[in-house]
């Protein structure tokens, strides 16, 4: 009887450990499970914003031409953001010749204008991305509150009516969704 109890206890522990490992693997495989859970959901109306670009010109989301919009929340000091910037840049460049109208918008959480402008104009040469910033600390910005940004980089795809199509922290999901939307056109 004692051997049965030990055997049953070991089986229960093994199944519990397997379930824990599976949950850990799922969150490791899909960063959205951990980092994107608070982002706005598909179908929600994206909040409007009015922000300045690096030249000081104001841009309002709701006044932009009706097109799909990819919004990237990032900062030049963020290693994960810098890792993704070449891919974001390539997607923005590719969108220039796509049949799907897509505007790329970067919202930076830099506080140092010189570091921000050097990153967008010299380091990564982000010519096809409308770069905006409040030049405030990340958690003090209205966009981080309105868009529930708890991790950067974070991304949104909005439709022509500024409703959320996709929210994620994974640039590969943005690329896949753009491709899917292009195929529908």
C-alpha atoms as a PDB file:
ATOM      1  CA  UNK A   1       0.000   0.000   0.000  1.00  0.00           C
ATOM      2  CA  UNK A   2       2.844   2.358   0.841  1.00  0.00           C
ATOM      3  CA  UNK A   3       4.488   1.703  -2.544  1.00  0.00           C
ATOM      4  CA  UNK A   4       1.199   2.583  -4.297  1.00  0.00           C
ATOM      5  CA  UNK A   5       0.962   5.880  -2.388  1.00  0.00           C
ATOM      6  CA  UNK A   6       4.555   6.789  -3.271  1.00  0.00           C
ATOM      7  CA  UNK A   7       3.940   5.817  -6.913  1.00  0.00           C
ATOM      8  CA  UNK A   8       0.723   7.884  -7.096  1.00  0.00           C
ATOM      9  CA  UNK A   9       2.433  10.860  -5.434  1.00  0.00           C
ATOM     10  CA  UNK A  10       5.297  10.624  -7.928  1.00  0.00           C
ATOM     11  CA  UNK A  11       2.845  10.524 -10.852  1.00  0.00           C
ATOM     12  CA  UNK A  12       0.973  13.559  -9.535  1.00  0.00           C
ATOM     13  CA  UNK A  13       4.251  15.446  -9.103  1.00  0.00           C
ATOM     14  CA  UNK A  14       5.370  14.454 -12.597  1.00  0.00           C
ATOM     15  CA  UNK A  15       2.111  15.621 -14.206  1.00  0.00           C
ATOM     16  CA  UNK A  16       2.226  18.874 -12.233  1.00  0.00           C
ATOM     17  CA  UNK A  17       5.805  19.476 -13.316  1.00  0.00           C
ATOM     18  CA  UNK A  18       4.897  18.713 -16.939  1.00  0.00           C
ATOM     19  CA  UNK A  19       2.028  21.187 -16.819  1.00  0.00           C
ATOM     20  CA  UNK A  20       4.276  23.840 -15.269  1.00  0.00           C
ATOM     21  CA  UNK A  21       6.938  23.232 -17.920  1.00  0.00           C
ATOM     22  CA  UNK A  22       4.353  23.449 -20.706  1.00  0.00           C
ATOM     23  CA  UNK A  23       3.070  26.802 -19.368  1.00  0.00           C
ATOM     24  CA  UNK A  24       6.642  28.075 -19.054  1.00  0.00           C
ATOM     25  CA  UNK A  25       7.418  26.972 -22.621  1.00  0.00           C
ATOM     26  CA  UNK A  26       4.277  28.654 -23.965  1.00  0.00           C
ATOM     27  CA  UNK A  27       5.239  31.980 -22.394  1.00  0.00           C
ATOM     28  CA  UNK A  28       8.835  31.573 -23.657  1.00  0.00           C
ATOM     29  CA  UNK A  29       7.648  30.762 -27.174  1.00  0.00           C
ATOM     30  CA  UNK A  30       5.078  33.561 -27.369  1.00  0.00           C
ATOM     31  CA  UNK A  31       6.188  36.798 -25.692  1.00  0.00           C
ATOM     32  CA  UNK A  32       2.654  38.179 -26.105  1.00  0.00           C
ATOM     33  CA  UNK A  33       1.484  35.811 -23.370  1.00  0.00           C
ATOM     34  CA  UNK A  34       3.595  37.748 -20.879  1.00  0.00           C
ATOM     35  CA  UNK A  35       4.177  41.207 -22.351  1.00  0.00           C
ATOM     36  CA  UNK A  36       1.153  42.024 -24.526  1.00  0.00           C
ATOM     37  CA  UNK A  37      -1.686  40.893 -22.306  1.00  0.00           C
ATOM     38  CA  UNK A  38      -2.671  44.467 -21.345  1.00  0.00           C
ATOM     39  CA  UNK A  39      -2.499  45.957 -24.853  1.00  0.00           C
ATOM     40  CA  UNK A  40      -5.695  47.097 -26.561  1.00  0.00           C
ATOM     41  CA  UNK A  41      -7.569  44.206 -28.142  1.00  0.00           C
ATOM     42  CA  UNK A  42      -8.566  43.619 -31.739  1.00  0.00           C
ATOM     43  CA  UNK A  43     -11.634  45.665 -32.691  1.00  0.00           C
ATOM     44  CA  UNK A  44     -11.082  48.370 -30.071  1.00  0.00           C
ATOM     45  CA  UNK A  45     -10.893  51.989 -31.187  1.00  0.00           C
ATOM     46  CA  UNK A  46      -7.343  53.289 -30.913  1.00  0.00           C
ATOM     47  CA  UNK A  47      -7.095  56.497 -28.884  1.00  0.00           C
ATOM     48  CA  UNK A  48      -6.273  59.666 -30.783  1.00  0.00           C
ATOM     49  CA  UNK A  49      -2.968  61.426 -30.176  1.00  0.00           C
ATOM     50  CA  UNK A  50      -1.288  64.618 -31.273  1.00  0.00           C
ATOM     51  CA  UNK A  51       2.506  64.394 -31.211  1.00  0.00           C
ATOM     52  CA  UNK A  52       5.445  66.217 -32.736  1.00  0.00           C
ATOM     53  CA  UNK A  53       8.014  64.791 -35.096  1.00  0.00           C
ATOM     54  CA  UNK A  54      11.740  65.458 -34.733  1.00  0.00           C
ATOM     55  CA  UNK A  55      11.361  68.693 -36.726  1.00  0.00           C
ATOM     56  CA  UNK A  56       8.677  69.983 -34.339  1.00  0.00           C
ATOM     57  CA  UNK A  57       5.712  69.472 -36.693  1.00  0.00           C
ATOM     58  CA  UNK A  58       2.482  68.261 -35.090  1.00  0.00           C
ATOM     59  CA  UNK A  59       0.730  65.100 -36.305  1.00  0.00           C
ATOM     60  CA  UNK A  60      -2.697  63.858 -35.228  1.00  0.00           C
ATOM     61  CA  UNK A  61      -3.627  60.200 -35.657  1.00  0.00           C
ATOM     62  CA  UNK A  62      -7.273  60.880 -36.524  1.00  0.00           C
ATOM     63  CA  UNK A  63      -6.295  63.456 -39.179  1.00  0.00           C
ATOM     64  CA  UNK A  64      -4.055  61.068 -41.103  1.00  0.00           C
ATOM     65  CA  UNK A  65      -5.205  59.691 -44.438  1.00  0.00           C
ATOM     66  CA  UNK A  66      -7.350  56.569 -44.116  1.00  0.00           C
ATOM     67  CA  UNK A  67      -4.904  53.701 -44.446  1.00  0.00           C
ATOM     68  CA  UNK A  68      -3.605  50.873 -42.342  1.00  0.00           C
ATOM     69  CA  UNK A  69      -1.179  52.095 -39.716  1.00  0.00           C
ATOM     70  CA  UNK A  70       1.585  50.234 -37.954  1.00  0.00           C
ATOM     71  CA  UNK A  71       2.500  51.935 -34.703  1.00  0.00           C
ATOM     72  CA  UNK A  72       5.751  50.988 -33.010  1.00  0.00           C
ATOM     73  CA  UNK A  73       6.363  52.103 -29.419  1.00  0.00           C
ATOM     74  CA  UNK A  74      10.108  52.153 -28.836  1.00  0.00           C
ATOM     75  CA  UNK A  75      13.157  54.055 -27.540  1.00  0.00           C
ATOM     76  CA  UNK A  76      16.724  54.436 -28.768  1.00  0.00           C
ATOM     77  CA  UNK A  77      18.050  53.250 -25.387  1.00  0.00           C
ATOM     78  CA  UNK A  78      16.062  49.961 -25.572  1.00  0.00           C
ATOM     79  CA  UNK A  79      18.158  46.950 -26.745  1.00  0.00           C
ATOM     80  CA  UNK A  80      15.103  44.944 -27.888  1.00  0.00           C
ATOM     81  CA  UNK A  81      13.870  47.953 -29.864  1.00  0.00           C
ATOM     82  CA  UNK A  82      17.237  48.393 -31.578  1.00  0.00           C
ATOM     83  CA  UNK A  83      17.239  44.678 -32.419  1.00  0.00           C
ATOM     84  CA  UNK A  84      13.866  45.100 -34.217  1.00  0.00           C
ATOM     85  CA  UNK A  85      14.548  48.457 -35.921  1.00  0.00           C
ATOM     86  CA  UNK A  86      16.177  47.027 -39.070  1.00  0.00           C
ATOM     87  CA  UNK A  87      13.158  44.762 -39.627  1.00  0.00           C
ATOM     88  CA  UNK A  88      10.698  47.596 -38.957  1.00  0.00           C
ATOM     89  CA  UNK A  89      12.654  49.764 -41.367  1.00  0.00           C
ATOM     90  CA  UNK A  90      12.586  47.025 -44.032  1.00  0.00           C
ATOM     91  CA  UNK A  91       8.818  46.533 -43.607  1.00  0.00           C
ATOM     92  CA  UNK A  92       8.235  50.274 -43.909  1.00  0.00           C
ATOM     93  CA  UNK A  93      10.357  50.420 -47.037  1.00  0.00           C
ATOM     94  CA  UNK A  94       8.573  47.405 -48.548  1.00  0.00           C
ATOM     95  CA  UNK A  95       5.195  49.022 -47.825  1.00  0.00           C
ATOM     96  CA  UNK A  96       6.092  51.867 -50.180  1.00  0.00           C
ATOM     97  CA  UNK A  97       5.548  49.555 -53.159  1.00  0.00           C
ATOM     98  CA  UNK A  98       2.760  47.429 -51.673  1.00  0.00           C
ATOM     99  CA  UNK A  99      -0.816  47.423 -52.927  1.00  0.00           C
ATOM    100  CA  UNK A 100      -1.884  47.669 -49.268  1.00  0.00           C
ATOM    101  CA  UNK A 101      -1.758  51.297 -48.072  1.00  0.00           C
ATOM    102  CA  UNK A 102       0.278  51.207 -44.848  1.00  0.00           C
ATOM    103  CA  UNK A 103       1.737  54.096 -42.863  1.00  0.00           C
ATOM    104  CA  UNK A 104       4.428  53.333 -40.294  1.00  0.00           C
ATOM    105  CA  UNK A 105       4.469  55.482 -37.157  1.00  0.00           C
ATOM    106  CA  UNK A 106       7.167  55.295 -34.516  1.00  0.00           C
ATOM    107  CA  UNK A 107       6.381  56.668 -31.078  1.00  0.00           C
ATOM    108  CA  UNK A 108       9.595  57.081 -29.147  1.00  0.00           C
ATOM    109  CA  UNK A 109       9.946  57.158 -25.383  1.00  0.00           C
ATOM    110  CA  UNK A 110      13.264  58.955 -25.575  1.00  0.00           C
ATOM    111  CA  UNK A 111      13.801  62.011 -23.369  1.00  0.00           C
ATOM    112  CA  UNK A 112      16.997  63.065 -25.125  1.00  0.00           C
ATOM    113  CA  UNK A 113      16.135  64.627 -28.492  1.00  0.00           C
ATOM    114  CA  UNK A 114      19.705  64.362 -29.776  1.00  0.00           C
ATOM    115  CA  UNK A 115      19.882  60.608 -29.073  1.00  0.00           C
ATOM    116  CA  UNK A 116      16.452  60.110 -30.677  1.00  0.00           C
ATOM    117  CA  UNK A 117      17.211  62.106 -33.821  1.00  0.00           C
ATOM    118  CA  UNK A 118      20.636  60.490 -34.234  1.00  0.00           C
ATOM    119  CA  UNK A 119      19.034  57.055 -33.994  1.00  0.00           C
ATOM    120  CA  UNK A 120      16.329  57.783 -36.589  1.00  0.00           C
ATOM    121  CA  UNK A 121      18.381  59.895 -39.007  1.00  0.00           C
ATOM    122  CA  UNK A 122      21.899  58.493 -38.809  1.00  0.00           C
ATOM    123  CA  UNK A 123      22.078  55.097 -37.125  1.00  0.00           C
ATOM    124  CA  UNK A 124      19.005  53.442 -38.704  1.00  0.00           C
ATOM    125  CA  UNK A 125      18.055  55.972 -41.421  1.00  0.00           C
ATOM    126  CA  UNK A 126      14.322  55.522 -40.844  1.00  0.00           C
ATOM    127  CA  UNK A 127      13.110  57.458 -43.894  1.00  0.00           C
ATOM    128  CA  UNK A 128       9.757  55.700 -44.380  1.00  0.00           C
ATOM    129  CA  UNK A 129       8.571  55.926 -40.775  1.00  0.00           C
ATOM    130  CA  UNK A 130       6.829  58.949 -39.293  1.00  0.00           C
ATOM    131  CA  UNK A 131       8.782  59.336 -36.048  1.00  0.00           C
ATOM    132  CA  UNK A 132       6.992  61.067 -33.163  1.00  0.00           C
ATOM    133  CA  UNK A 133       7.717  61.669 -29.496  1.00  0.00           C
ATOM    134  CA  UNK A 134       6.571  63.547 -26.422  1.00  0.00           C
ATOM    135  CA  UNK A 135      10.212  63.586 -25.251  1.00  0.00           C
ATOM    136  CA  UNK A 136       9.043  62.488 -21.820  1.00  0.00           C
ATOM    137  CA  UNK A 137       9.834  59.492 -19.659  1.00  0.00           C
ATOM    138  CA  UNK A 138       7.984  56.424 -20.870  1.00  0.00           C
ATOM    139  CA  UNK A 139       5.537  56.011 -17.968  1.00  0.00           C
ATOM    140  CA  UNK A 140       4.764  59.755 -17.943  1.00  0.00           C
ATOM    141  CA  UNK A 141       3.508  59.820 -21.539  1.00  0.00           C
ATOM    142  CA  UNK A 142      -0.141  59.919 -22.464  1.00  0.00           C
ATOM    143  CA  UNK A 143       0.380  57.355 -25.234  1.00  0.00           C
ATOM    144  CA  UNK A 144       1.820  54.770 -22.827  1.00  0.00           C
ATOM    145  CA  UNK A 145      -1.294  55.175 -20.670  1.00  0.00           C
ATOM    146  CA  UNK A 146      -3.788  55.238 -23.549  1.00  0.00           C
ATOM    147  CA  UNK A 147      -2.228  52.286 -25.386  1.00  0.00           C
ATOM    148  CA  UNK A 148      -1.378  50.297 -22.205  1.00  0.00           C
ATOM    149  CA  UNK A 149       2.320  50.080 -23.037  1.00  0.00           C
ATOM    150  CA  UNK A 150       4.082  48.040 -20.350  1.00  0.00           C
ATOM    151  CA  UNK A 151       6.870  46.693 -22.567  1.00  0.00           C
ATOM    152  CA  UNK A 152       8.828  48.043 -25.500  1.00  0.00           C
ATOM    153  CA  UNK A 153       8.920  47.456 -28.290  1.00  0.00           C
ATOM    154  CA  UNK A 154       5.156  47.095 -28.618  1.00  0.00           C
ATOM    155  CA  UNK A 155       3.282  47.217 -31.896  1.00  0.00           C
ATOM    156  CA  UNK A 156      -0.204  47.860 -33.186  1.00  0.00           C
ATOM    157  CA  UNK A 157      -1.779  47.546 -36.591  1.00  0.00           C
ATOM    158  CA  UNK A 158      -4.785  49.841 -37.025  1.00  0.00           C
ATOM    159  CA  UNK A 159      -7.291  49.728 -39.859  1.00  0.00           C
ATOM    160  CA  UNK A 160      -8.533  52.692 -41.904  1.00  0.00           C
ATOM    161  CA  UNK A 161     -10.967  53.645 -39.117  1.00  0.00           C
ATOM    162  CA  UNK A 162      -8.200  53.457 -36.472  1.00  0.00           C
ATOM    163  CA  UNK A 163      -9.518  50.246 -34.931  1.00  0.00           C
ATOM    164  CA  UNK A 164      -7.022  47.732 -33.619  1.00  0.00           C
ATOM    165  CA  UNK A 165      -6.356  44.862 -36.010  1.00  0.00           C
ATOM    166  CA  UNK A 166      -3.420  43.426 -34.042  1.00  0.00           C
ATOM    167  CA  UNK A 167      -1.498  44.240 -30.878  1.00  0.00           C
ATOM    168  CA  UNK A 168       1.756  42.445 -30.124  1.00  0.00           C
ATOM    169  CA  UNK A 169       5.340  42.747 -28.932  1.00  0.00           C
ATOM    170  CA  UNK A 170       6.556  40.503 -31.765  1.00  0.00           C
ATOM    171  CA  UNK A 171       7.637  42.194 -35.012  1.00  0.00           C
ATOM    172  CA  UNK A 172       7.297  38.864 -36.832  1.00  0.00           C
ATOM    173  CA  UNK A 173       3.557  38.869 -36.118  1.00  0.00           C
ATOM    174  CA  UNK A 174       3.328  42.365 -37.602  1.00  0.00           C
ATOM    175  CA  UNK A 175       5.091  41.166 -40.739  1.00  0.00           C
ATOM    176  CA  UNK A 176       2.812  38.119 -41.040  1.00  0.00           C
ATOM    177  CA  UNK A 177      -0.353  40.186 -40.543  1.00  0.00           C
ATOM    178  CA  UNK A 178       0.702  42.756 -43.144  1.00  0.00           C
ATOM    179  CA  UNK A 179       1.311  39.918 -45.577  1.00  0.00           C
ATOM    180  CA  UNK A 180      -2.103  38.438 -44.775  1.00  0.00           C
ATOM    181  CA  UNK A 181      -3.830  41.808 -45.244  1.00  0.00           C
ATOM    182  CA  UNK A 182      -1.965  42.321 -48.535  1.00  0.00           C
ATOM    183  CA  UNK A 183      -3.207  38.960 -49.815  1.00  0.00           C
ATOM    184  CA  UNK A 184      -6.791  40.013 -49.052  1.00  0.00           C
ATOM    185  CA  UNK A 185      -6.459  43.117 -51.262  1.00  0.00           C
END
